[in-house]
Amino acid sequence: MPKLESTLEGQFSRLAKQYHALFIKVVSPGMAGMPDRMLMKGNGQIIFVELKQPGKKPDVRQEAVHATLRRWGMRVEVVDNIQQAVGLLEE
């Protein structure tokens, strides 16, 4: 059975607390495709995080929103495993 995004989300959320970072749920009515979360680190860095099941990719609508955010200078990362989450927290 594949791991659920919610499992990864819970693991990432717990890890973020250990790293003294905020892992905030993004709720954006009227704008489908926004990344799931914002990772806010103590060094002032903000990263939009799209959570996926292992091996899954963002859909077309999500890719379009991610591309727009990147054009505006925002960082967007797609995370499908806990090792990637640790990497974002440790960088």
C-alpha atoms as a PDB file:
ATOM      1  CA  MET A   1       0.000   0.000   0.000  1.00  0.00           C
ATOM      2  CA  PRO A   2       1.512   3.373  -0.992  1.00  0.00           C
ATOM      3  CA  LYS A   3       2.299   5.915   1.675  1.00  0.00           C
ATOM      4  CA  LEU A   4      -0.287   8.652   1.941  1.00  0.00           C
ATOM      5  CA  GLU A   5       0.570  12.323   1.601  1.00  0.00           C
ATOM      6  CA  SER A   6      -0.981  12.847   5.030  1.00  0.00           C
ATOM      7  CA  THR A   7       1.590  10.466   6.568  1.00  0.00           C
ATOM      8  CA  LEU A   8       4.449  12.451   5.044  1.00  0.00           C
ATOM      9  CA  GLU A   9       2.771  15.704   6.084  1.00  0.00           C
ATOM     10  CA  GLY A  10       2.598  14.550   9.715  1.00  0.00           C
ATOM     11  CA  GLN A  11       6.225  13.386   9.724  1.00  0.00           C
ATOM     12  CA  PHE A  12       7.418  16.637   8.121  1.00  0.00           C
ATOM     13  CA  SER A  13       5.365  18.696  10.577  1.00  0.00           C
ATOM     14  CA  ARG A  14       6.886  16.920  13.594  1.00  0.00           C
ATOM     15  CA  LEU A  15      10.393  17.305  12.171  1.00  0.00           C
ATOM     16  CA  ALA A  16       9.862  21.010  11.497  1.00  0.00           C
ATOM     17  CA  LYS A  17       9.114  21.544  15.194  1.00  0.00           C
ATOM     18  CA  GLN A  18      12.369  19.793  16.109  1.00  0.00           C
ATOM     19  CA  TYR A  19      14.214  22.178  13.775  1.00  0.00           C
ATOM     20  CA  HIS A  20      12.348  25.198  15.212  1.00  0.00           C
ATOM     21  CA  ALA A  21      10.719  25.863  11.855  1.00  0.00           C
ATOM     22  CA  LEU A  22       7.093  26.548  11.001  1.00  0.00           C
ATOM     23  CA  PHE A  23       5.324  24.226   8.569  1.00  0.00           C
ATOM     24  CA  ILE A  24       2.118  26.060   7.797  1.00  0.00           C
ATOM     25  CA  LYS A  25      -0.835  24.668   5.849  1.00  0.00           C
ATOM     26  CA  VAL A  26      -1.688  26.856   2.844  1.00  0.00           C
ATOM     27  CA  VAL A  27      -5.416  27.336   2.318  1.00  0.00           C
ATOM     28  CA  SER A  28      -6.162  29.350  -0.782  1.00  0.00           C
ATOM     29  CA  PRO A  29      -9.844  29.368  -1.746  1.00  0.00           C
ATOM     30  CA  GLY A  30     -10.294  30.239  -5.381  1.00  0.00           C
ATOM     31  CA  MET A  31      -6.717  29.382  -6.365  1.00  0.00           C
ATOM     32  CA  ALA A  32      -6.425  25.683  -7.064  1.00  0.00           C
ATOM     33  CA  GLY A  33      -2.920  24.321  -7.444  1.00  0.00           C
ATOM     34  CA  MET A  34      -1.267  26.202  -4.587  1.00  0.00           C
ATOM     35  CA  PRO A  35       1.388  24.162  -2.772  1.00  0.00           C
ATOM     36  CA  ASP A  36       0.195  22.334   0.342  1.00  0.00           C
ATOM     37  CA  ARG A  37       2.469  24.006   2.871  1.00  0.00           C
ATOM     38  CA  MET A  38       4.895  26.842   3.576  1.00  0.00           C
ATOM     39  CA  LEU A  39       8.109  26.008   5.396  1.00  0.00           C
ATOM     40  CA  MET A  40       9.335  29.056   7.313  1.00  0.00           C
ATOM     41  CA  LYS A  41      12.840  28.744   8.715  1.00  0.00           C
ATOM     42  CA  GLY A  42      14.549  30.843  11.370  1.00  0.00           C
ATOM     43  CA  ASN A  43      17.006  32.236   8.820  1.00  0.00           C
ATOM     44  CA  GLY A  44      14.147  34.094   7.103  1.00  0.00           C
ATOM     45  CA  GLN A  45      13.815  31.531   4.319  1.00  0.00           C
ATOM     46  CA  ILE A  46      10.332  30.641   3.089  1.00  0.00           C
ATOM     47  CA  ILE A  47       9.811  27.583   0.902  1.00  0.00           C
ATOM     48  CA  PHE A  48       6.493  26.508  -0.609  1.00  0.00           C
ATOM     49  CA  VAL A  49       6.221  22.720  -0.294  1.00  0.00           C
ATOM     50  CA  GLU A  50       4.068  20.456  -2.456  1.00  0.00           C
ATOM     51  CA  LEU A  51       3.681  17.052  -0.792  1.00  0.00           C
ATOM     52  CA  LYS A  52       3.229  13.965  -2.953  1.00  0.00           C
ATOM     53  CA  GLN A  53       3.089  10.213  -2.577  1.00  0.00           C
ATOM     54  CA  PRO A  54       6.444   8.607  -3.454  1.00  0.00           C
ATOM     55  CA  GLY A  55       7.043   8.829  -7.193  1.00  0.00           C
ATOM     56  CA  LYS A  56       3.973  10.986  -7.888  1.00  0.00           C
ATOM     57  CA  LYS A  57       4.279  14.312  -9.707  1.00  0.00           C
ATOM     58  CA  PRO A  58       2.248  17.535  -9.462  1.00  0.00           C
ATOM     59  CA  ASP A  59      -0.690  17.786 -11.850  1.00  0.00           C
ATOM     60  CA  VAL A  60      -0.857  20.321 -14.688  1.00  0.00           C
ATOM     61  CA  ARG A  61      -2.682  22.938 -12.603  1.00  0.00           C
ATOM     62  CA  GLN A  62      -0.178  22.609  -9.751  1.00  0.00           C
ATOM     63  CA  GLU A  63       2.761  22.861 -12.172  1.00  0.00           C
ATOM     64  CA  ALA A  64       1.307  26.085 -13.597  1.00  0.00           C
ATOM     65  CA  VAL A  65       0.942  27.650 -10.140  1.00  0.00           C
ATOM     66  CA  HIS A  66       4.435  26.483  -9.143  1.00  0.00           C
ATOM     67  CA  ALA A  67       5.863  28.050 -12.313  1.00  0.00           C
ATOM     68  CA  THR A  68       4.124  31.352 -11.538  1.00  0.00           C
ATOM     69  CA  LEU A  69       5.444  31.368  -7.974  1.00  0.00           C
ATOM     70  CA  ARG A  70       8.958  30.644  -9.233  1.00  0.00           C
ATOM     71  CA  ARG A  71       8.730  33.481 -11.788  1.00  0.00           C
ATOM     72  CA  TRP A  72       7.869  35.766  -8.875  1.00  0.00           C
ATOM     73  CA  GLY A  73      11.056  34.666  -7.117  1.00  0.00           C
ATOM     74  CA  MET A  74       9.480  32.177  -4.715  1.00  0.00           C
ATOM     75  CA  ARG A  75      11.041  28.818  -4.000  1.00  0.00           C
ATOM     76  CA  VAL A  76       8.788  25.798  -4.560  1.00  0.00           C
ATOM     77  CA  GLU A  77       9.854  22.234  -3.747  1.00  0.00           C
ATOM     78  CA  VAL A  78       8.023  18.977  -4.408  1.00  0.00           C
ATOM     79  CA  VAL A  79       8.646  16.505  -1.581  1.00  0.00           C
ATOM     80  CA  ASP A  80       7.708  12.823  -1.759  1.00  0.00           C
ATOM     81  CA  ASN A  81       9.858  11.355   1.022  1.00  0.00           C
ATOM     82  CA  ILE A  82      11.077  12.203   4.487  1.00  0.00           C
ATOM     83  CA  GLN A  83      14.738  12.388   3.396  1.00  0.00           C
ATOM     84  CA  GLN A  84      13.868  15.346   1.153  1.00  0.00           C
ATOM     85  CA  ALA A  85      12.108  16.985   4.100  1.00  0.00           C
ATOM     86  CA  VAL A  86      15.178  16.567   6.297  1.00  0.00           C
ATOM     87  CA  GLY A  87      17.322  18.020   3.507  1.00  0.00           C
ATOM     88  CA  LEU A  88      15.169  21.146   3.319  1.00  0.00           C
ATOM     89  CA  LEU A  89      15.271  21.575   7.084  1.00  0.00           C
ATOM     90  CA  GLU A  90      19.049  21.081   7.313  1.00  0.00           C
ATOM     91  CA  GLU A  91      20.158  23.322   4.442  1.00  0.00           C
END
